[in-house]
Amino acid sequence: MSFFKKLFGGGSEAPEPQGDKVMGEEGYKGFTIKAIEMKAGGELQLAGLIEKDIGGELKSYRFIRAERMSSREDLVALALMKGRQIIDEQGEQIYR
């Protein structure tokens, strides 16, 4: 693709989809909670994935919150805590 097409947006090439980068995970009440890397500028934004096998089918629920921080360890701890909170409040209803 020529320089001018890239510069002015003509004929864009779609980027290859990439999987989520898991920064930490834990099991909780039969669910798996994963802290997902989501960059927002120079910081990390709180994001996670809650998974559970229900009737032989893996169900997933993605959550994103407004909190941002630079500490990877703090973000993982907060994402896992938010995941536990969502499970305690909603249980399997998150998949409906």
PDB file of N, CA and C in Angstrom:
ATOM      1  N   MET A   1       0.870  -1.162   0.000  1.00  0.00           N
ATOM      2  CA  MET A   1       0.000   0.000   0.000  1.00  0.00           C
ATOM      3  C   MET A   1       0.915   1.222   0.000  1.00  0.00           C
ATOM      4  N   SER A   2       0.565   2.223  -0.783  1.00  0.00           N
ATOM      5  CA  SER A   2       1.420   3.396  -0.896  1.00  0.00           C
ATOM      6  C   SER A   2       1.349   4.267   0.349  1.00  0.00           C
ATOM      7  N   PHE A   3       2.333   5.116   0.504  1.00  0.00           N
ATOM      8  CA  PHE A   3       2.422   6.016   1.639  1.00  0.00           C
ATOM      9  C   PHE A   3       1.196   6.907   1.732  1.00  0.00           C
ATOM     10  N   PHE A   4       0.723   7.467   0.594  1.00  0.00           N
ATOM     11  CA  PHE A   4      -0.402   8.395   0.619  1.00  0.00           C
ATOM     12  C   PHE A   4      -1.719   7.696   0.967  1.00  0.00           C
ATOM     13  N   LYS A   5      -1.890   6.465   0.526  1.00  0.00           N
ATOM     14  CA  LYS A   5      -3.091   5.723   0.893  1.00  0.00           C
ATOM     15  C   LYS A   5      -3.135   5.481   2.405  1.00  0.00           C
ATOM     16  N   LYS A   6      -1.984   5.138   2.981  1.00  0.00           N
ATOM     17  CA  LYS A   6      -1.929   4.942   4.428  1.00  0.00           C
ATOM     18  C   LYS A   6      -2.173   6.248   5.163  1.00  0.00           C
ATOM     19  N   LEU A   7      -1.578   7.319   4.655  1.00  0.00           N
ATOM     20  CA  LEU A   7      -1.680   8.617   5.303  1.00  0.00           C
ATOM     21  C   LEU A   7      -3.102   9.154   5.292  1.00  0.00           C
ATOM     22  N   PHE A   8      -3.803   8.992   4.169  1.00  0.00           N
ATOM     23  CA  PHE A   8      -5.137   9.571   4.029  1.00  0.00           C
ATOM     24  C   PHE A   8      -6.260   8.554   4.165  1.00  0.00           C
ATOM     25  N   GLY A   9      -5.940   7.336   4.547  1.00  0.00           N
ATOM     26  CA  GLY A   9      -6.964   6.350   4.886  1.00  0.00           C
ATOM     27  C   GLY A   9      -7.561   5.609   3.714  1.00  0.00           C
ATOM     28  N   GLY A  10      -6.984   5.650   2.559  1.00  0.00           N
ATOM     29  CA  GLY A  10      -7.526   4.918   1.418  1.00  0.00           C
ATOM     30  C   GLY A  10      -7.131   3.462   1.468  1.00  0.00           C
ATOM     31  N   GLY A  11      -8.098   2.564   1.347  1.00  0.00           N
ATOM     32  CA  GLY A  11      -7.820   1.123   1.284  1.00  0.00           C
ATOM     33  C   GLY A  11      -7.116   0.600   2.509  1.00  0.00           C
ATOM     34  N   SER A  12      -7.772   0.644   3.632  1.00  0.00           N
ATOM     35  CA  SER A  12      -7.136   0.187   4.865  1.00  0.00           C
ATOM     36  C   SER A  12      -7.057  -1.325   4.912  1.00  0.00           C
ATOM     37  N   GLU A  13      -6.015  -1.797   5.540  1.00  0.00           N
ATOM     38  CA  GLU A  13      -5.861  -3.231   5.755  1.00  0.00           C
ATOM     39  C   GLU A  13      -6.293  -3.542   7.170  1.00  0.00           C
ATOM     40  N   ALA A  14      -7.163  -4.518   7.342  1.00  0.00           N
ATOM     41  CA  ALA A  14      -7.642  -4.876   8.677  1.00  0.00           C
ATOM     42  C   ALA A  14      -6.526  -5.570   9.442  1.00  0.00           C
ATOM     43  N   PRO A  15      -6.297  -5.177  10.690  1.00  0.00           N
ATOM     44  CA  PRO A  15      -5.274  -5.853  11.484  1.00  0.00           C
ATOM     45  C   PRO A  15      -5.705  -7.270  11.829  1.00  0.00           C
ATOM     46  N   GLU A  16      -4.731  -8.125  12.031  1.00  0.00           N
ATOM     47  CA  GLU A  16      -5.019  -9.496  12.426  1.00  0.00           C
ATOM     48  C   GLU A  16      -5.603  -9.510  13.831  1.00  0.00           C
ATOM     49  N   PRO A  17      -6.710 -10.196  14.051  1.00  0.00           N
ATOM     50  CA  PRO A  17      -7.242 -10.264  15.414  1.00  0.00           C
ATOM     51  C   PRO A  17      -6.274 -11.022  16.305  1.00  0.00           C
ATOM     52  N   GLN A  18      -6.106 -10.532  17.521  1.00  0.00           N
ATOM     53  CA  GLN A  18      -5.210 -11.188  18.459  1.00  0.00           C
ATOM     54  C   GLN A  18      -5.988 -11.557  19.701  1.00  0.00           C
ATOM     55  N   GLY A  19      -5.565 -12.614  20.346  1.00  0.00           N
ATOM     56  CA  GLY A  19      -6.226 -13.051  21.566  1.00  0.00           C
ATOM     57  C   GLY A  19      -5.918 -12.112  22.719  1.00  0.00           C
ATOM     58  N   ASP A  20      -6.720 -12.213  23.753  1.00  0.00           N
ATOM     59  CA  ASP A  20      -6.505 -11.407  24.942  1.00  0.00           C
ATOM     60  C   ASP A  20      -5.238 -11.865  25.653  1.00  0.00           C
ATOM     61  N   LYS A  21      -4.485 -10.898  26.171  1.00  0.00           N
ATOM     62  CA  LYS A  21      -3.316 -11.229  26.975  1.00  0.00           C
ATOM     63  C   LYS A  21      -3.772 -11.306  28.428  1.00  0.00           C
ATOM     64  N   VAL A  22      -3.707 -12.491  28.993  1.00  0.00           N
ATOM     65  CA  VAL A  22      -4.137 -12.719  30.365  1.00  0.00           C
ATOM     66  C   VAL A  22      -2.988 -12.345  31.299  1.00  0.00           C
ATOM     67  N   MET A  23      -3.265 -11.417  32.222  1.00  0.00           N
ATOM     68  CA  MET A  23      -2.249 -10.948  33.168  1.00  0.00           C
ATOM     69  C   MET A  23      -2.301 -11.721  34.483  1.00  0.00           C
ATOM     70  N   GLY A  24      -3.421 -12.356  34.766  1.00  0.00           N
ATOM     71  CA  GLY A  24      -3.587 -13.147  35.974  1.00  0.00           C
ATOM     72  C   GLY A  24      -4.952 -13.811  35.957  1.00  0.00           C
ATOM     73  N   GLU A  25      -5.086 -14.907  36.666  1.00  0.00           N
ATOM     74  CA  GLU A  25      -6.392 -15.580  36.713  1.00  0.00           C
ATOM     75  C   GLU A  25      -6.545 -16.360  38.001  1.00  0.00           C
ATOM     76  N   GLU A  26      -7.816 -16.662  38.337  1.00  0.00           N
ATOM     77  CA  GLU A  26      -8.118 -17.473  39.507  1.00  0.00           C
ATOM     78  C   GLU A  26      -9.464 -18.143  39.330  1.00  0.00           C
ATOM     79  N   GLY A  27      -9.664 -19.236  40.038  1.00  0.00           N
ATOM     80  CA  GLY A  27     -10.950 -19.903  40.086  1.00  0.00           C
ATOM     81  C   GLY A  27     -11.739 -19.372  41.263  1.00  0.00           C
ATOM     82  N   TYR A  28     -13.057 -19.224  41.077  1.00  0.00           N
ATOM     83  CA  TYR A  28     -13.908 -18.716  42.152  1.00  0.00           C
ATOM     84  C   TYR A  28     -15.323 -19.242  41.956  1.00  0.00           C
ATOM     85  N   LYS A  29     -15.803 -20.042  42.907  1.00  0.00           N
ATOM     86  CA  LYS A  29     -17.161 -20.589  42.902  1.00  0.00           C
ATOM     87  C   LYS A  29     -17.530 -21.271  41.580  1.00  0.00           C
ATOM     88  N   GLY A  30     -16.590 -21.997  40.997  1.00  0.00           N
ATOM     89  CA  GLY A  30     -16.849 -22.712  39.751  1.00  0.00           C
ATOM     90  C   GLY A  30     -16.623 -21.881  38.500  1.00  0.00           C
ATOM     91  N   PHE A  31     -16.295 -20.606  38.637  1.00  0.00           N
ATOM     92  CA  PHE A  31     -16.005 -19.716  37.519  1.00  0.00           C
ATOM     93  C   PHE A  31     -14.490 -19.539  37.412  1.00  0.00           C
ATOM     94  N   THR A  32     -14.024 -19.113  36.260  1.00  0.00           N
ATOM     95  CA  THR A  32     -12.638 -18.702  36.088  1.00  0.00           C
ATOM     96  C   THR A  32     -12.646 -17.216  35.782  1.00  0.00           C
ATOM     97  N   ILE A  33     -11.904 -16.453  36.572  1.00  0.00           N
ATOM     98  CA  ILE A  33     -11.801 -15.008  36.370  1.00  0.00           C
ATOM     99  C   ILE A  33     -10.416 -14.728  35.808  1.00  0.00           C
ATOM    100  N   LYS A  34     -10.354 -13.954  34.726  1.00  0.00           N
ATOM    101  CA  LYS A  34      -9.079 -13.600  34.105  1.00  0.00           C
ATOM    102  C   LYS A  34      -8.956 -12.087  34.029  1.00  0.00           C
ATOM    103  N   ALA A  35      -7.814 -11.568  34.478  1.00  0.00           N
ATOM    104  CA  ALA A  35      -7.497 -10.150  34.318  1.00  0.00           C
ATOM    105  C   ALA A  35      -6.876 -10.003  32.930  1.00  0.00           C
ATOM    106  N   ILE A  36      -7.470  -9.154  32.097  1.00  0.00           N
ATOM    107  CA  ILE A  36      -7.062  -8.998  30.704  1.00  0.00           C
ATOM    108  C   ILE A  36      -6.310  -7.678  30.520  1.00  0.00           C
ATOM    109  N   GLU A  37      -5.218  -7.719  29.772  1.00  0.00           N
ATOM    110  CA  GLU A  37      -4.469  -6.498  29.478  1.00  0.00           C
ATOM    111  C   GLU A  37      -5.261  -5.626  28.499  1.00  0.00           C
ATOM    112  N   MET A  38      -5.478  -4.384  28.891  1.00  0.00           N
ATOM    113  CA  MET A  38      -6.145  -3.415  28.017  1.00  0.00           C
ATOM    114  C   MET A  38      -5.419  -2.091  28.208  1.00  0.00           C
ATOM    115  N   LYS A  39      -4.620  -1.710  27.219  1.00  0.00           N
ATOM    116  CA  LYS A  39      -3.825  -0.490  27.321  1.00  0.00           C
ATOM    117  C   LYS A  39      -4.671   0.729  26.979  1.00  0.00           C
ATOM    118  N   ALA A  40      -4.457   1.786  27.758  1.00  0.00           N
ATOM    119  CA  ALA A  40      -5.138   3.067  27.541  1.00  0.00           C
ATOM    120  C   ALA A  40      -4.068   4.146  27.680  1.00  0.00           C
ATOM    121  N   GLY A  41      -3.486   4.519  26.545  1.00  0.00           N
ATOM    122  CA  GLY A  41      -2.374   5.457  26.598  1.00  0.00           C
ATOM    123  C   GLY A  41      -1.191   4.793  27.278  1.00  0.00           C
ATOM    124  N   GLY A  42      -0.610   5.471  28.260  1.00  0.00           N
ATOM    125  CA  GLY A  42       0.527   4.917  28.990  1.00  0.00           C
ATOM    126  C   GLY A  42       0.118   4.114  30.206  1.00  0.00           C
ATOM    127  N   GLU A  43      -1.165   3.887  30.392  1.00  0.00           N
ATOM    128  CA  GLU A  43      -1.664   3.160  31.554  1.00  0.00           C
ATOM    129  C   GLU A  43      -2.391   1.889  31.131  1.00  0.00           C
ATOM    130  N   LEU A  44      -2.802   1.136  32.114  1.00  0.00           N
ATOM    131  CA  LEU A  44      -3.619  -0.054  31.890  1.00  0.00           C
ATOM    132  C   LEU A  44      -5.018   0.219  32.407  1.00  0.00           C
ATOM    133  N   GLN A  45      -6.013  -0.201  31.648  1.00  0.00           N
ATOM    134  CA  GLN A  45      -7.402  -0.032  32.056  1.00  0.00           C
ATOM    135  C   GLN A  45      -7.923  -1.357  32.577  1.00  0.00           C
ATOM    136  N   LEU A  46      -8.774  -1.274  33.604  1.00  0.00           N
ATOM    137  CA  LEU A  46      -9.319  -2.471  34.230  1.00  0.00           C
ATOM    138  C   LEU A  46     -10.225  -3.220  33.249  1.00  0.00           C
ATOM    139  N   ALA A  47      -9.887  -4.469  32.983  1.00  0.00           N
ATOM    140  CA  ALA A  47     -10.695  -5.313  32.094  1.00  0.00           C
ATOM    141  C   ALA A  47     -10.526  -6.760  32.527  1.00  0.00           C
ATOM    142  N   GLY A  48     -11.574  -7.538  32.333  1.00  0.00           N
ATOM    143  CA  GLY A  48     -11.493  -8.928  32.725  1.00  0.00           C
ATOM    144  C   GLY A  48     -12.475  -9.802  31.968  1.00  0.00           C
ATOM    145  N   LEU A  49     -12.356 -11.084  32.204  1.00  0.00           N
ATOM    146  CA  LEU A  49     -13.186 -12.078  31.548  1.00  0.00           C
ATOM    147  C   LEU A  49     -13.600 -13.094  32.615  1.00  0.00           C
ATOM    148  N   ILE A  50     -14.893 -13.420  32.645  1.00  0.00           N
ATOM    149  CA  ILE A  50     -15.405 -14.431  33.564  1.00  0.00           C
ATOM    150  C   ILE A  50     -15.925 -15.581  32.704  1.00  0.00           C
ATOM    151  N   GLU A  51     -15.398 -16.778  32.944  1.00  0.00           N
ATOM    152  CA  GLU A  51     -15.779 -17.943  32.141  1.00  0.00           C
ATOM    153  C   GLU A  51     -16.313 -19.058  33.043  1.00  0.00           C
ATOM    154  N   LYS A  52     -17.222 -19.834  32.460  1.00  0.00           N
ATOM    155  CA  LYS A  52     -17.742 -21.005  33.160  1.00  0.00           C
ATOM    156  C   LYS A  52     -18.269 -21.997  32.135  1.00  0.00           C
ATOM    157  N   ASP A  53     -18.018 -23.270  32.387  1.00  0.00           N
ATOM    158  CA  ASP A  53     -18.552 -24.336  31.551  1.00  0.00           C
ATOM    159  C   ASP A  53     -19.945 -24.663  32.062  1.00  0.00           C
ATOM    160  N   ILE A  54     -20.949 -24.425  31.211  1.00  0.00           N
ATOM    161  CA  ILE A  54     -22.341 -24.700  31.571  1.00  0.00           C
ATOM    162  C   ILE A  54     -22.907 -25.661  30.536  1.00  0.00           C
ATOM    163  N   GLY A  55     -23.243 -26.849  30.965  1.00  0.00           N
ATOM    164  CA  GLY A  55     -23.815 -27.848  30.063  1.00  0.00           C
ATOM    165  C   GLY A  55     -22.896 -28.209  28.907  1.00  0.00           C
ATOM    166  N   GLY A  56     -21.591 -28.242  29.158  1.00  0.00           N
ATOM    167  CA  GLY A  56     -20.639 -28.603  28.115  1.00  0.00           C
ATOM    168  C   GLY A  56     -20.265 -27.460  27.191  1.00  0.00           C
ATOM    169  N   GLU A  57     -20.776 -26.268  27.440  1.00  0.00           N
ATOM    170  CA  GLU A  57     -20.471 -25.100  26.613  1.00  0.00           C
ATOM    171  C   GLU A  57     -19.761 -24.046  27.461  1.00  0.00           C
ATOM    172  N   LEU A  58     -18.622 -23.558  26.983  1.00  0.00           N
ATOM    173  CA  LEU A  58     -17.879 -22.537  27.705  1.00  0.00           C
ATOM    174  C   LEU A  58     -18.529 -21.177  27.461  1.00  0.00           C
ATOM    175  N   LYS A  59     -19.037 -20.576  28.534  1.00  0.00           N
ATOM    176  CA  LYS A  59     -19.668 -19.251  28.462  1.00  0.00           C
ATOM    177  C   LYS A  59     -18.657 -18.213  28.924  1.00  0.00           C
ATOM    178  N   SER A  60     -18.672 -17.040  28.296  1.00  0.00           N
ATOM    179  CA  SER A  60     -17.751 -15.964  28.634  1.00  0.00           C
ATOM    180  C   SER A  60     -18.500 -14.664  28.835  1.00  0.00           C
ATOM    181  N   TYR A  61     -18.037 -13.879  29.794  1.00  0.00           N
ATOM    182  CA  TYR A  61     -18.586 -12.548  30.061  1.00  0.00           C
ATOM    183  C   TYR A  61     -17.402 -11.600  30.221  1.00  0.00           C
ATOM    184  N   ARG A  62     -17.331 -10.576  29.389  1.00  0.00           N
ATOM    185  CA  ARG A  62     -16.244  -9.605  29.423  1.00  0.00           C
ATOM    186  C   ARG A  62     -16.711  -8.353  30.156  1.00  0.00           C
ATOM    187  N   PHE A  63     -15.854  -7.822  31.014  1.00  0.00           N
ATOM    188  CA  PHE A  63     -16.176  -6.572  31.693  1.00  0.00           C
ATOM    189  C   PHE A  63     -15.017  -5.590  31.546  1.00  0.00           C
ATOM    190  N   ILE A  64     -15.375  -4.324  31.420  1.00  0.00           N
ATOM    191  CA  ILE A  64     -14.409  -3.230  31.329  1.00  0.00           C
ATOM    192  C   ILE A  64     -14.889  -2.154  32.281  1.00  0.00           C
ATOM    193  N   ARG A  65     -13.987  -1.630  33.089  1.00  0.00           N
ATOM    194  CA  ARG A  65     -14.320  -0.575  34.029  1.00  0.00           C
ATOM    195  C   ARG A  65     -13.462   0.650  33.749  1.00  0.00           C
ATOM    196  N   ALA A  66     -13.836   1.755  34.320  1.00  0.00           N
ATOM    197  CA  ALA A  66     -13.174   3.034  34.045  1.00  0.00           C
ATOM    198  C   ALA A  66     -11.816   3.172  34.734  1.00  0.00           C
ATOM    199  N   GLU A  67     -11.553   2.388  35.772  1.00  0.00           N
ATOM    200  CA  GLU A  67     -10.314   2.537  36.528  1.00  0.00           C
ATOM    201  C   GLU A  67      -9.095   2.303  35.644  1.00  0.00           C
ATOM    202  N   ARG A  68      -8.098   3.178  35.808  1.00  0.00           N
ATOM    203  CA  ARG A  68      -6.826   3.044  35.103  1.00  0.00           C
ATOM    204  C   ARG A  68      -5.693   3.179  36.108  1.00  0.00           C
ATOM    205  N   MET A  69      -4.618   2.457  35.867  1.00  0.00           N
ATOM    206  CA  MET A  69      -3.453   2.553  36.739  1.00  0.00           C
ATOM    207  C   MET A  69      -2.210   2.092  36.000  1.00  0.00           C
ATOM    208  N   SER A  70      -1.074   2.395  36.575  1.00  0.00           N
ATOM    209  CA  SER A  70       0.181   2.003  35.933  1.00  0.00           C
ATOM    210  C   SER A  70       0.753   0.721  36.525  1.00  0.00           C
ATOM    211  N   SER A  71       0.332   0.353  37.731  1.00  0.00           N
ATOM    212  CA  SER A  71       0.841  -0.846  38.385  1.00  0.00           C
ATOM    213  C   SER A  71       0.105  -2.090  37.885  1.00  0.00           C
ATOM    214  N   ARG A  72       0.844  -2.971  37.258  1.00  0.00           N
ATOM    215  CA  ARG A  72       0.282  -4.220  36.734  1.00  0.00           C
ATOM    216  C   ARG A  72      -0.275  -5.079  37.871  1.00  0.00           C
ATOM    217  N   GLU A  73       0.459  -5.186  38.967  1.00  0.00           N
ATOM    218  CA  GLU A  73       0.040  -6.024  40.087  1.00  0.00           C
ATOM    219  C   GLU A  73      -1.255  -5.507  40.719  1.00  0.00           C
ATOM    220  N   ASP A  74      -1.346  -4.186  40.895  1.00  0.00           N
ATOM    221  CA  ASP A  74      -2.565  -3.599  41.468  1.00  0.00           C
ATOM    222  C   ASP A  74      -3.754  -3.810  40.549  1.00  0.00           C
ATOM    223  N   LEU A  75      -3.523  -3.691  39.249  1.00  0.00           N
ATOM    224  CA  LEU A  75      -4.602  -3.859  38.284  1.00  0.00           C
ATOM    225  C   LEU A  75      -5.117  -5.304  38.277  1.00  0.00           C
ATOM    226  N   VAL A  76      -4.211  -6.267  38.333  1.00  0.00           N
ATOM    227  CA  VAL A  76      -4.618  -7.677  38.367  1.00  0.00           C
ATOM    228  C   VAL A  76      -5.450  -7.944  39.622  1.00  0.00           C
ATOM    229  N   ALA A  77      -4.982  -7.458  40.769  1.00  0.00           N
ATOM    230  CA  ALA A  77      -5.722  -7.665  42.017  1.00  0.00           C
ATOM    231  C   ALA A  77      -7.114  -7.039  41.944  1.00  0.00           C
ATOM    232  N   LEU A  78      -7.221  -5.847  41.387  1.00  0.00           N
ATOM    233  CA  LEU A  78      -8.507  -5.166  41.281  1.00  0.00           C
ATOM    234  C   LEU A  78      -9.432  -5.876  40.291  1.00  0.00           C
ATOM    235  N   ALA A  79      -8.895  -6.333  39.163  1.00  0.00           N
ATOM    236  CA  ALA A  79      -9.717  -7.042  38.169  1.00  0.00           C
ATOM    237  C   ALA A  79     -10.276  -8.340  38.743  1.00  0.00           C
ATOM    238  N   LEU A  80      -9.455  -9.068  39.483  1.00  0.00           N
ATOM    239  CA  LEU A  80      -9.930 -10.315  40.088  1.00  0.00           C
ATOM    240  C   LEU A  80     -10.973 -10.031  41.158  1.00  0.00           C
ATOM    241  N   MET A  81     -10.779  -8.954  41.935  1.00  0.00           N
ATOM    242  CA  MET A  81     -11.763  -8.568  42.944  1.00  0.00           C
ATOM    243  C   MET A  81     -13.090  -8.184  42.289  1.00  0.00           C
ATOM    244  N   LYS A  82     -13.037  -7.410  41.198  1.00  0.00           N
ATOM    245  CA  LYS A  82     -14.262  -7.013  40.485  1.00  0.00           C
ATOM    246  C   LYS A  82     -14.965  -8.245  39.920  1.00  0.00           C
ATOM    247  N   GLY A  83     -14.202  -9.197  39.421  1.00  0.00           N
ATOM    248  CA  GLY A  83     -14.784 -10.430  38.909  1.00  0.00           C
ATOM    249  C   GLY A  83     -15.523 -11.192  39.999  1.00  0.00           C
ATOM    250  N   ARG A  84     -14.916 -11.297  41.173  1.00  0.00           N
ATOM    251  CA  ARG A  84     -15.576 -11.966  42.314  1.00  0.00           C
ATOM    252  C   ARG A  84     -16.855 -11.225  42.698  1.00  0.00           C
ATOM    253  N   GLN A  85     -16.797  -9.902  42.684  1.00  0.00           N
ATOM    254  CA  GLN A  85     -17.975  -9.095  43.026  1.00  0.00           C
ATOM    255  C   GLN A  85     -19.109  -9.331  42.032  1.00  0.00           C
ATOM    256  N   ILE A  86     -18.802  -9.375  40.747  1.00  0.00           N
ATOM    257  CA  ILE A  86     -19.815  -9.622  39.716  1.00  0.00           C
ATOM    258  C   ILE A  86     -20.442 -11.000  39.914  1.00  0.00           C
ATOM    259  N   ILE A  87     -19.610 -11.998  40.200  1.00  0.00           N
ATOM    260  CA  ILE A  87     -20.121 -13.358  40.422  1.00  0.00           C
ATOM    261  C   ILE A  87     -21.021 -13.400  41.653  1.00  0.00           C
ATOM    262  N   ASP A  88     -20.596 -12.748  42.738  1.00  0.00           N
ATOM    263  CA  ASP A  88     -21.401 -12.739  43.972  1.00  0.00           C
ATOM    264  C   ASP A  88     -22.746 -12.055  43.755  1.00  0.00           C
ATOM    265  N   GLU A  89     -22.763 -11.002  42.953  1.00  0.00           N
ATOM    266  CA  GLU A  89     -23.999 -10.247  42.725  1.00  0.00           C
ATOM    267  C   GLU A  89     -24.925 -10.896  41.704  1.00  0.00           C
ATOM    268  N   GLN A  90     -24.357 -11.503  40.643  1.00  0.00           N
ATOM    269  CA  GLN A  90     -25.183 -11.954  39.527  1.00  0.00           C
ATOM    270  C   GLN A  90     -25.120 -13.449  39.237  1.00  0.00           C
ATOM    271  N   GLY A  91     -24.070 -14.116  39.651  1.00  0.00           N
ATOM    272  CA  GLY A  91     -23.944 -15.544  39.380  1.00  0.00           C
ATOM    273  C   GLY A  91     -24.011 -15.848  37.887  1.00  0.00           C
ATOM    274  N   GLU A  92     -24.675 -16.939  37.542  1.00  0.00           N
ATOM    275  CA  GLU A  92     -24.771 -17.366  36.136  1.00  0.00           C
ATOM    276  C   GLU A  92     -25.666 -16.471  35.296  1.00  0.00           C
ATOM    277  N   GLN A  93     -26.390 -15.546  35.920  1.00  0.00           N
ATOM    278  CA  GLN A  93     -27.259 -14.633  35.166  1.00  0.00           C
ATOM    279  C   GLN A  93     -26.476 -13.719  34.236  1.00  0.00           C
ATOM    280  N   ILE A  94     -25.182 -13.571  34.437  1.00  0.00           N
ATOM    281  CA  ILE A  94     -24.382 -12.721  33.541  1.00  0.00           C
ATOM    282  C   ILE A  94     -24.367 -13.262  32.115  1.00  0.00           C
ATOM    283  N   TYR A  95     -24.674 -14.531  31.954  1.00  0.00           N
ATOM    284  CA  TYR A  95     -24.647 -15.164  30.625  1.00  0.00           C
ATOM    285  C   TYR A  95     -25.983 -15.094  29.897  1.00  0.00           C
ATOM    286  N   ARG A  96     -26.978 -14.421  30.445  1.00  0.00           N
ATOM    287  CA  ARG A  96     -28.290 -14.332  29.783  1.00  0.00           C
ATOM    288  C   ARG A  96     -28.409 -13.092  28.982  1.00  0.00           C
TER     289      ARG A  96
END
